[in-house]
Every structure is written in structure tokens, then in C-alpha cells.
Amino acid sequence: MIKDDKTKKRNLKTAIGLIFFIVFLFIFTLYNVGVFDRPL
């Protein structure tokens, strides 16, 4: 694999996007299940 700045930046953006999406789904699921009784 050739490592250049473009691939690094794209991989970093993809990783951050995936982590953000997973955290969002996790929190959304917890709210749906009713772990948090606070209204949105």
C-alpha cells in the first residue's frame, strides 16, 4: 500500500464518521429502549 496524505485524510474522515455514526446509533437505541427517561 502506498501511503500518501490524501489516503490518510480520507481514512481519518471515514473512521471519524463511522465512530460518530456508531455512537449516534448507540445513544438513539438507548433512548428508544427507555434507559433515559428524560424527554428529548
N, C-alpha and C. Protein backbone atom coordinates (compact mmCIF):
# COMPACT_ATOMS: atom_id res chain seq x y z
N MET A 1 0.84 -1.20 0.00
CA MET A 1 0.00 0.00 0.00
C MET A 1 0.87 1.25 0.00
N ILE A 2 0.49 2.19 -0.82
CA ILE A 2 1.22 3.46 -0.86
C ILE A 2 0.52 4.45 0.08
N LYS A 3 1.27 4.94 1.04
CA LYS A 3 0.67 5.87 2.00
C LYS A 3 0.94 7.30 1.54
N ASP A 4 -0.11 8.00 1.22
CA ASP A 4 0.05 9.42 0.91
C ASP A 4 -0.95 10.21 1.76
N ASP A 5 -0.84 11.53 1.70
CA ASP A 5 -1.66 12.36 2.59
C ASP A 5 -3.14 12.22 2.27
N LYS A 6 -3.47 12.11 1.00
CA LYS A 6 -4.89 12.02 0.63
C LYS A 6 -5.53 10.78 1.23
N THR A 7 -4.86 9.64 1.12
CA THR A 7 -5.45 8.42 1.67
C THR A 7 -5.55 8.53 3.18
N LYS A 8 -4.54 9.08 3.81
CA LYS A 8 -4.59 9.23 5.27
C LYS A 8 -5.77 10.09 5.68
N LYS A 9 -5.93 11.23 5.01
CA LYS A 9 -7.02 12.12 5.37
C LYS A 9 -8.37 11.44 5.13
N ARG A 10 -8.50 10.74 4.00
CA ARG A 10 -9.77 10.09 3.71
C ARG A 10 -10.05 9.00 4.74
N ASN A 11 -9.02 8.23 5.10
CA ASN A 11 -9.22 7.18 6.09
C ASN A 11 -9.61 7.78 7.43
N LEU A 12 -8.97 8.88 7.80
CA LEU A 12 -9.29 9.52 9.08
C LEU A 12 -10.73 10.01 9.08
N LYS A 13 -11.13 10.65 7.98
CA LYS A 13 -12.52 11.13 7.90
C LYS A 13 -13.50 9.96 7.98
N THR A 14 -13.19 8.88 7.28
CA THR A 14 -14.08 7.72 7.31
C THR A 14 -14.16 7.15 8.72
N ALA A 15 -13.04 7.05 9.39
CA ALA A 15 -13.02 6.50 10.75
C ALA A 15 -13.84 7.37 11.69
N ILE A 16 -13.63 8.69 11.60
CA ILE A 16 -14.38 9.60 12.47
C ILE A 16 -15.87 9.51 12.17
N GLY A 17 -16.20 9.44 10.88
CA GLY A 17 -17.61 9.32 10.51
C GLY A 17 -18.24 8.04 11.05
N LEU A 18 -17.51 6.93 10.93
CA LEU A 18 -18.03 5.66 11.42
C LEU A 18 -18.22 5.70 12.94
N ILE A 19 -17.23 6.23 13.65
CA ILE A 19 -17.33 6.29 15.11
C ILE A 19 -18.52 7.17 15.51
N PHE A 20 -18.67 8.32 14.84
CA PHE A 20 -19.78 9.22 15.16
C PHE A 20 -21.11 8.52 14.90
N PHE A 21 -21.20 7.79 13.77
CA PHE A 21 -22.44 7.10 13.42
C PHE A 21 -22.77 6.01 14.44
N ILE A 22 -21.75 5.26 14.88
CA ILE A 22 -21.97 4.19 15.85
C ILE A 22 -22.43 4.77 17.18
N VAL A 23 -21.78 5.85 17.61
CA VAL A 23 -22.17 6.49 18.88
C VAL A 23 -23.60 7.00 18.78
N PHE A 24 -23.94 7.61 17.63
CA PHE A 24 -25.29 8.12 17.44
C PHE A 24 -26.31 6.99 17.52
N LEU A 25 -26.03 5.88 16.84
CA LEU A 25 -26.95 4.74 16.89
C LEU A 25 -27.07 4.20 18.31
N PHE A 26 -25.96 4.13 19.02
CA PHE A 26 -25.96 3.62 20.39
C PHE A 26 -26.86 4.47 21.29
N ILE A 27 -26.66 5.80 21.22
CA ILE A 27 -27.47 6.70 22.06
C ILE A 27 -28.93 6.64 21.64
N PHE A 28 -29.18 6.61 20.32
CA PHE A 28 -30.56 6.55 19.82
C PHE A 28 -31.26 5.29 20.32
N THR A 29 -30.53 4.16 20.30
CA THR A 29 -31.11 2.89 20.78
C THR A 29 -31.40 2.97 22.27
N LEU A 30 -30.49 3.54 23.04
CA LEU A 30 -30.72 3.66 24.48
C LEU A 30 -31.96 4.51 24.75
N TYR A 31 -32.11 5.60 24.01
CA TYR A 31 -33.30 6.44 24.19
C TYR A 31 -34.55 5.65 23.84
N ASN A 32 -34.51 4.88 22.76
CA ASN A 32 -35.70 4.11 22.35
C ASN A 32 -36.05 3.04 23.37
N VAL A 33 -35.02 2.39 23.93
CA VAL A 33 -35.28 1.33 24.89
C VAL A 33 -35.87 1.93 26.18
N GLY A 34 -35.51 3.16 26.48
CA GLY A 34 -36.10 3.82 27.66
C GLY A 34 -35.13 3.86 28.81
N VAL A 35 -33.81 3.75 28.55
CA VAL A 35 -32.84 3.84 29.64
C VAL A 35 -32.86 5.25 30.22
N PHE A 36 -32.98 6.22 29.31
CA PHE A 36 -33.07 7.61 29.77
C PHE A 36 -34.54 8.01 29.77
N ASP A 37 -35.03 8.47 30.90
CA ASP A 37 -36.44 8.89 30.97
C ASP A 37 -36.60 10.35 30.62
N ARG A 38 -35.48 11.03 30.35
CA ARG A 38 -35.56 12.46 30.01
C ARG A 38 -36.14 12.63 28.60
N PRO A 39 -37.05 13.57 28.43
CA PRO A 39 -37.56 13.84 27.07
C PRO A 39 -36.50 14.51 26.23
N LEU A 40 -36.54 14.26 24.92
CA LEU A 40 -35.55 14.85 24.00
C LEU A 40 -35.78 16.34 23.91
